[in-house]
Protein backbone atom coordinates (compact mmCIF):
# COMPACT_ATOMS: atom_id res chain seq x y z
CA MET A 1 0.00 0.00 0.00
CA ARG A 2 2.85 2.34 0.91
CA ALA A 3 4.53 1.57 -2.45
CA PHE A 4 1.31 2.51 -4.30
CA ARG A 5 1.08 5.83 -2.48
CA ASN A 6 4.69 6.53 -3.27
CA SER A 7 4.05 5.83 -6.98
CA LEU A 8 1.09 8.24 -7.03
CA ALA A 9 3.13 10.90 -5.34
CA ALA A 10 5.95 10.46 -7.91
CA LEU A 11 3.51 10.68 -10.84
CA GLY A 12 1.91 13.81 -9.36
CA ALA A 13 5.31 15.43 -8.96
CA ILE A 14 6.23 14.59 -12.54
CA PHE A 15 2.92 16.03 -13.82
CA LEU A 16 3.43 19.25 -11.82
CA ILE A 17 6.95 19.66 -13.16
CA ALA A 18 5.76 18.98 -16.74
CA THR A 19 2.87 21.41 -16.32
CA GLY A 20 5.19 24.11 -15.04
CA GLY A 21 7.56 23.63 -17.94
CA TYR A 22 4.68 23.62 -20.45
CA TYR A 23 3.25 26.81 -18.90
CA LEU A 24 6.57 28.65 -19.19
CA HIS A 25 6.88 27.52 -22.85
CA ARG A 26 3.36 28.62 -23.82
CA ARG A 27 3.58 31.91 -21.96
CA ALA A 28 6.78 32.82 -23.80
CA ALA A 29 5.20 31.90 -27.14
CA GLU A 30 2.06 33.91 -26.46
CA SER A 31 4.10 36.89 -25.26
CA GLU A 32 5.81 37.08 -28.65
CA LYS A 33 2.34 37.30 -30.23
CA GLY A 34 1.35 40.05 -27.78
CA THR A 35 -1.16 37.89 -25.88
CA ALA A 36 -1.27 36.44 -22.35
CA TYR A 37 -1.46 32.78 -21.28
CA SER A 38 -3.12 31.66 -18.03
CA LEU A 39 -1.63 29.00 -15.71
CA VAL A 40 -5.12 27.53 -15.31
CA ASP A 41 -5.17 26.49 -19.00
CA ALA A 42 -1.80 24.72 -18.89
CA PRO A 43 -2.92 21.30 -17.46
CA ARG A 44 -5.80 20.99 -19.95
CA ASP A 45 -3.71 21.98 -22.99
CA LEU A 46 -0.88 19.68 -21.91
CA VAL A 47 -3.21 16.67 -21.76
CA ARG A 48 -4.69 17.51 -25.22
CA GLU A 49 -1.29 17.70 -26.85
CA PHE A 50 -0.22 14.46 -25.14
CA VAL A 51 -3.31 12.64 -26.51
CA GLY A 52 -2.73 14.18 -29.97
CA LEU A 53 0.68 12.50 -30.16
CA PHE A 54 -1.07 9.06 -30.31
CA ALA A 55 -4.12 10.08 -32.40
CA GLY A 56 -2.03 11.12 -35.42
CA ALA A 57 -2.25 14.23 -37.50
CA PRO A 58 -5.71 15.16 -38.82
CA LYS A 59 -6.34 14.48 -42.51
CA PRO A 60 -6.48 17.57 -44.68
CA PRO A 61 -9.86 18.29 -46.29
CA PRO A 62 -10.16 17.02 -49.87
CA SER A 63 -9.18 19.62 -52.37
CA ASP A 64 -11.44 20.48 -55.29
CA PRO A 65 -10.31 19.15 -58.68
CA PRO A 66 -8.60 21.73 -60.85
CA PRO A 67 -10.86 23.40 -63.36
CA ALA A 68 -10.86 21.85 -66.83
CA VAL A 69 -8.92 23.68 -69.48
CA ALA A 70 -11.11 24.91 -72.30
CA GLY A 71 -11.05 22.49 -75.21
CA SER A 72 -9.58 19.61 -73.22
CA ILE A 73 -11.08 16.09 -73.20
CA ILE A 74 -12.50 15.11 -69.83
CA GLU A 75 -12.33 11.34 -69.40
CA PRO A 76 -15.31 9.74 -67.66
CA PRO A 77 -14.64 8.04 -64.33
CA PRO A 78 -13.85 4.32 -64.63
CA THR A 79 -16.85 2.03 -64.46
CA SER A 80 -17.59 0.54 -61.09
CA VAL A 81 -19.28 -2.55 -62.54
CA PRO A 82 -17.04 -5.62 -62.11
CA ALA A 83 -16.44 -7.84 -65.13
CA ALA A 84 -18.45 -10.64 -63.54
CA ASP A 85 -21.46 -8.33 -63.20
CA GLN A 86 -21.11 -7.19 -66.83
CA TYR A 87 -21.07 -10.82 -67.91
CA ALA A 88 -24.24 -11.54 -65.91
CA ARG A 89 -25.95 -8.49 -67.42
CA GLY A 90 -24.83 -9.50 -70.90
CA ARG A 91 -26.11 -13.02 -70.43
CA ARG A 92 -29.44 -11.71 -69.14
CA ALA A 93 -29.75 -9.42 -72.17
CA TYR A 94 -28.99 -12.41 -74.42
CA LEU A 95 -31.73 -14.50 -72.83
CA GLU A 96 -34.14 -11.58 -73.21
CA ALA A 97 -33.29 -11.41 -76.94
CA ASP A 98 -31.66 -7.98 -76.58
CA PHE A 99 -28.65 -8.98 -78.66
CA ALA A 100 -27.65 -5.41 -79.50
CA GLY A 101 -27.26 -4.76 -75.77
CA ALA A 102 -25.72 -8.15 -74.97
CA VAL A 103 -22.79 -7.89 -77.40
CA PRO A 104 -21.00 -4.84 -75.90
CA LEU A 105 -21.53 -6.10 -72.34
CA LEU A 106 -20.09 -9.52 -73.15
CA GLU A 107 -17.19 -7.96 -75.06
CA LYS A 108 -16.23 -5.83 -72.06
CA ALA A 109 -16.60 -8.72 -69.64
CA LEU A 110 -14.40 -11.00 -71.75
CA ALA A 111 -11.74 -8.36 -72.46
CA ARG A 112 -10.42 -8.86 -68.91
CA PRO A 113 -12.17 -11.91 -67.49
CA ALA A 114 -12.72 -11.68 -63.74
CA ALA A 115 -13.23 -14.47 -61.25
CA GLY A 116 -16.45 -16.33 -61.95
CA VAL A 117 -16.43 -15.61 -65.70
CA ASP A 118 -16.18 -18.70 -67.91
CA SER A 119 -14.03 -17.49 -70.83
CA ALA A 120 -14.78 -20.45 -73.11
CA GLY A 121 -18.50 -20.39 -72.45
CA GLY A 122 -18.53 -16.60 -72.66
CA SER A 123 -16.84 -16.64 -76.07
CA SER A 124 -19.43 -19.08 -77.39
CA LEU A 125 -22.24 -16.94 -75.96
CA LEU A 126 -20.75 -13.81 -77.55
CA ALA A 127 -20.49 -15.50 -80.96
CA ARG A 128 -24.17 -16.51 -80.84
CA ALA A 129 -25.19 -13.03 -79.70
CA ARG A 130 -23.35 -11.49 -82.68
CA LEU A 131 -24.96 -13.99 -85.06
CA PHE A 132 -28.48 -13.46 -83.73
CA ARG A 133 -28.03 -9.68 -83.83
CA PHE A 134 -27.37 -9.94 -87.58
CA LEU A 135 -30.32 -12.27 -88.15
CA LEU A 136 -32.77 -9.80 -86.57
CA GLU A 137 -31.17 -6.46 -87.38
CA ASP A 138 -33.77 -5.60 -90.05
CA LEU A 139 -36.70 -6.38 -87.77
CA ARG A 140 -37.84 -3.95 -85.08
CA LEU A 141 -39.26 -5.47 -81.92
CA GLY A 142 -43.07 -5.36 -82.11
CA ALA A 143 -43.09 -3.97 -85.67
CA ALA A 144 -46.20 -5.97 -86.62
CA LEU A 145 -48.19 -4.61 -83.69
CA ASP A 146 -48.34 -1.14 -85.28
CA GLY A 147 -49.87 -2.24 -88.58
CA PRO A 148 -53.46 -2.81 -89.68
CA PRO A 149 -55.89 -4.96 -87.70
CA MET A 150 -54.93 -8.61 -87.51
CA ALA A 151 -57.40 -11.37 -88.22
CA ARG A 152 -57.37 -15.00 -87.18
CA ILE A 153 -59.15 -16.64 -90.09
CA GLN A 154 -60.86 -19.98 -89.70
CA LEU A 155 -62.15 -21.37 -92.98
CA ALA A 156 -64.46 -24.35 -93.12
CA GLY A 157 -62.48 -27.57 -93.03
CA GLY A 158 -59.12 -25.82 -92.52
CA ASP A 159 -56.76 -24.78 -89.76
CA PRO A 160 -56.75 -21.16 -88.55
CA PHE A 161 -54.10 -18.74 -89.79
CA LEU A 162 -53.20 -15.09 -89.24
CA ALA A 163 -53.68 -12.41 -91.87
CA ASP A 164 -53.94 -8.63 -92.13
CA LEU A 165 -57.49 -7.33 -92.29
CA VAL A 166 -57.85 -5.20 -95.43
CA GLU A 167 -61.58 -4.50 -95.47
CA GLU A 168 -64.73 -5.74 -93.80
CA THR A 169 -68.40 -5.28 -94.65
CA PRO A 170 -71.50 -6.85 -93.19
CA VAL A 171 -71.32 -9.42 -96.01
CA GLU A 172 -67.62 -10.00 -96.80
CA VAL A 173 -64.17 -9.86 -95.26
CA THR A 174 -61.03 -9.11 -97.28
CA PHE A 175 -57.69 -10.16 -95.82
CA ARG A 176 -54.09 -10.40 -96.96
CA LYS A 177 -52.02 -13.45 -96.08
CA GLU A 178 -48.29 -13.58 -95.53
CA GLY A 179 -46.59 -13.18 -98.91
CA GLY A 180 -49.03 -10.54 -100.16
CA ILE A 181 -51.80 -12.90 -101.30
CA SER A 182 -55.21 -11.23 -100.84
CA ALA A 183 -58.57 -12.97 -100.68
CA ARG A 184 -62.21 -12.06 -100.09
CA VAL A 185 -64.56 -14.48 -98.33
CA LYS A 186 -68.17 -14.41 -97.30
CA ARG A 187 -68.79 -14.03 -93.61
CA GLY A 188 -70.85 -17.19 -93.75
CA GLU A 189 -67.72 -19.14 -94.78
CA LEU A 190 -65.81 -18.06 -91.68
CA GLY A 191 -65.70 -20.36 -88.71
CA ASP A 192 -64.33 -19.36 -85.32
CA SER A 193 -62.51 -16.23 -86.52
CA MET A 194 -61.27 -13.29 -84.47
CA ILE A 195 -60.12 -9.74 -85.20
CA ALA A 196 -57.45 -8.00 -83.11
CA ARG A 197 -57.22 -4.22 -83.30
CA THR A 198 -55.07 -3.15 -80.32
CA PRO A 199 -51.40 -4.14 -79.82
CA GLU A 200 -52.38 -6.22 -76.79
CA GLN A 201 -54.99 -8.13 -78.77
CA LYS A 202 -52.54 -8.69 -81.65
CA GLN A 203 -49.92 -10.00 -79.26
CA ALA A 204 -52.41 -12.44 -77.77
CA LEU A 205 -53.33 -13.72 -81.24
CA ALA A 206 -49.65 -14.03 -82.12
CA GLU A 207 -49.07 -16.14 -79.01
CA THR A 208 -51.76 -18.60 -80.13
CA GLU A 209 -50.17 -18.72 -83.58
CA TYR A 210 -46.76 -19.40 -82.01
CA GLN A 211 -48.19 -22.32 -80.05
CA ARG A 212 -49.85 -23.73 -83.18
CA ARG A 213 -46.79 -23.40 -85.45
CA HIS A 214 -44.30 -24.59 -82.84
CA ALA A 215 -45.74 -28.08 -82.77
CA GLY A 216 -44.95 -28.75 -86.44
CA LEU A 217 -41.57 -27.06 -86.91
CA ARG A 218 -39.02 -28.89 -89.03
CA GLY A 219 -35.69 -27.61 -90.30
CA ALA A 220 -33.54 -24.57 -89.49
CA ALA A 221 -35.45 -22.20 -91.78
CA ALA A 222 -38.78 -22.91 -90.06
CA TRP A 223 -37.33 -22.22 -86.60
CA LEU A 224 -35.74 -19.01 -87.86
CA ASP A 225 -38.98 -17.87 -89.50
CA LEU A 226 -40.91 -18.39 -86.27
CA ALA A 227 -38.24 -16.52 -84.31
CA ARG A 228 -38.63 -13.55 -86.65
CA PHE A 229 -42.41 -13.81 -86.32
CA CYS A 230 -42.12 -13.63 -82.53
CA ARG A 231 -39.72 -10.70 -82.76
CA ALA A 232 -42.11 -8.77 -85.02
CA HIS A 233 -45.03 -9.43 -82.67
CA GLY A 234 -43.22 -8.56 -79.45
CA LEU A 235 -42.93 -12.12 -78.10
CA SER A 236 -39.34 -11.71 -76.89
CA SER A 237 -39.53 -14.58 -74.40
CA HIS A 238 -39.54 -17.11 -77.27
CA VAL A 239 -36.94 -15.55 -79.57
CA THR A 240 -33.65 -16.78 -78.08
CA TYR A 241 -34.96 -20.32 -77.68
CA LEU A 242 -36.14 -20.42 -81.29
CA LEU A 243 -32.86 -19.05 -82.67
CA GLU A 244 -30.80 -21.55 -80.72
CA LYS A 245 -32.99 -24.34 -82.07
CA ALA A 246 -32.60 -22.96 -85.60
CA LEU A 247 -28.83 -23.16 -85.15
CA GLU A 248 -29.07 -26.80 -84.06
CA GLU A 249 -31.57 -28.05 -86.63
CA PRO A 250 -30.56 -29.45 -90.06
CA GLY A 251 -30.81 -27.26 -93.12
CA ASP A 252 -29.06 -24.10 -94.30
CA GLY A 253 -31.72 -21.59 -93.21
CA VAL A 254 -29.48 -19.76 -90.74
CA GLU A 255 -26.42 -19.93 -93.00
CA ARG A 256 -28.44 -18.55 -95.90
CA ALA A 257 -29.75 -15.64 -93.83
CA LEU A 258 -26.26 -14.77 -92.58
CA TYR A 259 -24.85 -15.07 -96.08
CA GLU A 260 -27.39 -12.50 -97.27
CA VAL A 261 -26.17 -10.12 -94.56
CA TYR A 262 -22.60 -10.67 -95.76
CA ARG A 263 -23.50 -10.27 -99.45
CA LYS A 264 -25.49 -7.07 -98.96
CA ALA A 265 -22.69 -5.59 -96.84
CA CYS A 266 -20.22 -6.36 -99.64
CA VAL A 267 -22.47 -4.69 -102.22
CA ALA A 268 -22.88 -1.62 -99.99
CA GLY A 269 -19.13 -1.41 -99.35
CA ASP A 270 -19.60 -1.82 -95.59
CA ARG A 271 -16.32 -3.58 -94.88
CA PRO A 272 -16.64 -3.79 -91.06
CA LYS A 273 -20.02 -5.47 -91.37
CA SER A 274 -18.97 -7.79 -94.20
CA SER A 275 -15.85 -8.81 -92.25
CA ALA A 276 -17.86 -9.50 -89.08
CA SER A 277 -20.50 -11.57 -90.90
CA TYR A 278 -17.82 -13.41 -92.90
CA GLU A 279 -16.06 -14.33 -89.67
CA LEU A 280 -19.32 -15.72 -88.27
CA LEU A 281 -19.91 -17.76 -91.43
CA GLY A 282 -16.56 -19.43 -90.93
CA HIS A 283 -17.17 -19.93 -87.22
CA PHE A 284 -20.60 -21.59 -87.47
CA PHE A 285 -20.75 -22.99 -91.02
CA ARG A 286 -17.18 -23.78 -92.02
CA SER A 287 -18.23 -26.57 -94.40
CA GLY A 288 -21.41 -24.87 -95.58
CA GLU A 289 -22.12 -24.44 -99.27
CA LEU A 290 -22.72 -20.69 -99.06
CA THR A 291 -19.75 -20.20 -96.76
CA ARG A 292 -17.52 -21.75 -99.39
CA ALA A 293 -18.92 -19.28 -101.91
CA ALA A 294 -18.02 -16.44 -99.52
CA MET A 295 -14.52 -17.85 -99.05
CA LYS A 296 -14.01 -18.05 -102.78
CA ALA A 297 -15.18 -14.44 -103.22
CA GLU A 298 -12.85 -13.26 -100.45
CA ARG A 299 -9.83 -15.03 -101.92
CA GLY A 300 -10.56 -13.80 -105.43
CA GLY A 301 -11.48 -10.28 -104.41
CA THR A 302 -14.80 -10.54 -106.24
CA ALA A 303 -18.38 -9.85 -105.21
CA PRO A 304 -20.18 -12.87 -103.74
CA PRO A 305 -22.93 -14.33 -105.96
CA ALA A 306 -26.47 -13.31 -105.13
CA GLY A 307 -28.01 -16.18 -103.23
CA GLY A 308 -26.03 -18.66 -105.32
CA THR A 309 -23.39 -21.15 -104.43
CA GLY A 310 -20.69 -20.48 -107.02
CA ASP A 311 -18.96 -23.33 -108.82
CA GLY A 312 -17.90 -25.18 -105.70
CA ASP A 313 -14.54 -25.26 -103.96
CA GLU A 314 -13.00 -28.62 -103.27
CA THR A 315 -10.22 -27.13 -101.12
CA ALA A 316 -12.63 -25.82 -98.51
CA SER A 317 -14.42 -28.95 -97.43
CA GLY A 318 -14.50 -31.58 -100.13
CA PRO A 319 -16.46 -31.38 -103.38
CA GLU A 320 -19.60 -29.31 -103.45
CA PRO A 321 -22.74 -31.43 -103.06
CA ALA A 322 -25.27 -31.51 -105.88
CA SER A 323 -27.89 -29.93 -103.65
CA GLY A 324 -28.62 -26.29 -103.14
CA ILE A 325 -32.31 -26.19 -103.94
CA GLY A 326 -33.83 -23.85 -101.43
CA SER A 327 -36.41 -21.12 -101.30
CA VAL A 328 -38.98 -20.25 -103.95
CA GLY A 329 -37.33 -19.59 -107.28
CA ALA A 330 -33.97 -21.11 -106.27
CA ARG A 331 -31.72 -22.14 -109.13
CA ILE A 332 -31.65 -25.86 -109.79
CA PRO A 333 -27.96 -26.87 -109.75
CA LYS A 334 -26.36 -28.66 -112.64
CA SER A 335 -24.68 -31.96 -112.08
CA ALA A 336 -22.21 -34.00 -114.09
CA ASN A 337 -24.84 -36.73 -114.23
CA PRO A 338 -27.27 -36.08 -117.14
CA GLU A 339 -29.84 -38.52 -115.75
CA LEU A 340 -29.96 -36.62 -112.43
CA ASN A 341 -30.26 -33.31 -114.30
CA ALA A 342 -33.24 -34.64 -116.25
CA VAL A 343 -35.02 -35.72 -113.06
CA LEU A 344 -34.38 -32.38 -111.34
CA GLU A 345 -35.53 -30.36 -114.35
CA ARG A 346 -38.74 -32.36 -114.67
CA ALA A 347 -39.43 -32.01 -110.92
CA ALA A 348 -38.73 -28.26 -111.04
CA LYS A 349 -41.14 -27.84 -113.96
CA LEU A 350 -43.88 -29.66 -112.05
CA LYS A 351 -43.22 -27.53 -108.99
CA SER A 352 -43.55 -24.35 -111.09
CA GLU A 353 -46.87 -25.59 -112.46
CA GLY A 354 -48.05 -26.32 -108.94
CA ASP A 355 -46.97 -22.86 -107.75
CA ALA A 356 -48.98 -21.20 -110.53
CA HIS A 357 -52.14 -23.10 -109.58
CA TYR A 358 -51.46 -22.58 -105.87
CA LEU A 359 -51.65 -18.79 -106.30
CA LYS A 360 -54.97 -19.15 -108.13
CA ALA A 361 -56.43 -21.47 -105.50
CA GLN A 362 -56.61 -18.95 -102.67
CA PRO A 363 -59.95 -18.38 -100.90
CA GLY A 364 -62.15 -16.02 -102.88
CA ALA A 365 -60.47 -16.71 -106.23
CA PRO A 366 -62.62 -17.94 -109.15
CA ASP A 367 -62.42 -21.65 -109.96
CA ARG A 368 -60.26 -22.21 -106.89
CA ALA A 369 -61.40 -25.83 -106.55
CA ALA A 370 -60.08 -26.72 -110.01
CA HIS A 371 -56.79 -24.93 -109.38
CA ARG A 372 -56.47 -26.68 -106.02
CA GLU A 373 -56.74 -30.10 -107.63
CA LYS A 374 -54.16 -29.21 -110.30
CA ALA A 375 -51.76 -27.84 -107.70
CA LEU A 376 -52.08 -30.97 -105.57
CA LYS A 377 -51.44 -33.22 -108.58
CA ALA A 378 -48.35 -31.25 -109.69
CA TYR A 379 -46.92 -31.08 -106.17
CA THR A 380 -47.40 -34.82 -105.61
CA GLU A 381 -45.60 -35.71 -108.85
CA ALA A 382 -42.78 -33.24 -108.09
CA ILE A 383 -42.29 -34.74 -104.62
CA GLU A 384 -42.00 -38.22 -106.11
CA LEU A 385 -39.27 -37.07 -108.52
CA PHE A 386 -37.36 -35.14 -105.85
CA GLU A 387 -37.53 -38.19 -103.58
CA LYS A 388 -36.05 -40.27 -106.40
CA ALA A 389 -33.17 -37.80 -106.77
CA GLU A 390 -32.55 -37.81 -103.03
CA GLU A 391 -32.62 -41.59 -102.65
CA GLN A 392 -30.79 -42.57 -105.86
CA TRP A 393 -28.12 -39.84 -106.05
CA GLY A 394 -27.88 -38.62 -102.45
CA VAL A 395 -29.04 -35.08 -103.23
CA SER A 396 -30.01 -33.02 -100.15
CA LEU A 397 -33.37 -31.36 -100.84
CA GLU A 398 -34.63 -30.53 -97.37
CA ARG A 399 -35.56 -26.90 -98.12
CA ILE A 400 -37.62 -27.71 -101.21
CA PHE A 401 -39.36 -30.64 -99.49
CA LYS A 402 -40.37 -28.29 -96.67
CA GLU A 403 -41.93 -25.85 -99.11
CA LEU A 404 -43.72 -28.53 -101.13
CA TYR A 405 -45.13 -30.29 -98.08
CA GLU A 406 -46.29 -26.99 -96.55
CA ARG A 407 -48.07 -25.90 -99.71
CA ARG A 408 -49.64 -29.30 -100.28
CA TYR A 409 -50.83 -29.31 -96.68
CA GLN A 410 -52.27 -25.82 -97.18
CA MET A 411 -54.23 -27.06 -100.20
CA LEU A 412 -55.53 -30.09 -98.30
CA LYS A 413 -56.64 -28.20 -95.19
CA ASP A 414 -58.37 -25.53 -97.30
CA THR A 415 -60.45 -28.20 -99.04
CA PRO A 416 -64.07 -27.77 -97.89
CA ALA A 417 -65.43 -30.64 -95.84
CA ARG A 418 -67.93 -32.77 -97.69
């Protein structure tokens, strides 16, 4: 106990001596300034300065940035979004079919991949986003919702289909089908038909059409067509799924659409766009017929043929197949086999005859029943010949079979029930 008291007494003596010394120092300093310093303030100020030694010096207030010099470029502050977040946003935009927004986000995320970003998977996702952006670039989201009223036409004995309503009277309804074919029918011939006038009503009708068409899709071109249909009618939730399926399905529908982007860019002299689309052709369709035509044009410095396939290029991926028959009016390729050429020419002639009668067999046209029968007969004979060419000579005719079967089915379902 005595030792504790002695320690307190020693500390008190030291504090008094320190206070006296501090007072003499402060008084002298204040005297030079012409002011007085009180002894009463010395203990308090001494303790504050002692505590300040351990607290550190106060931070200076942040200074304002220097004013910008007139005419100088002010760089924006660096983005605070981590690469992983940009990748997630880009992937979400891709799934929502916003490919124009997905591409720059994925490019930034993959430029410096952060933790959690799959570089290989991200590169594949970016390539598909670039491809799908080209496939839909000419089609505004919801473009079809701003047009004329949409009608869901149900003819007796046939399946329903969508068409633009041109005119309606108490007696007749005039509509225009996809492809520009117009027809006038009596109201009494209509079954369970509906007319959509507002964008919401049109979108609802388009959803029913999507469900109907989805069940019978076959081939890349059909999946791509339905994806474009959904894009035009604002059904974004289906678009990415349909495009991915189009890329997986057999047929050259996607390659042909991308080739058209490349060809038109070449004609317009848009080198960045033609280079980007050419790179995608090689990435997704290296052995494709149209891709080989693009490769040949690039090597020769010539314009790519319009929708054609060129003369083939055995150095790209083996000899060019004898196929190439595609959309309406596609050129029938020539083969070294005269017997095959004869079969293809005869089948093409029958198909042309069927097409002519098909256009005259639309609802409302005169003598449509007779034209329907002639179209069905010509299409059936053409299919038999094309099947012979496919089975005997290994010709790939998927695109033309799709068109023939669709048109023949249209003729059959439009036949009135007896």
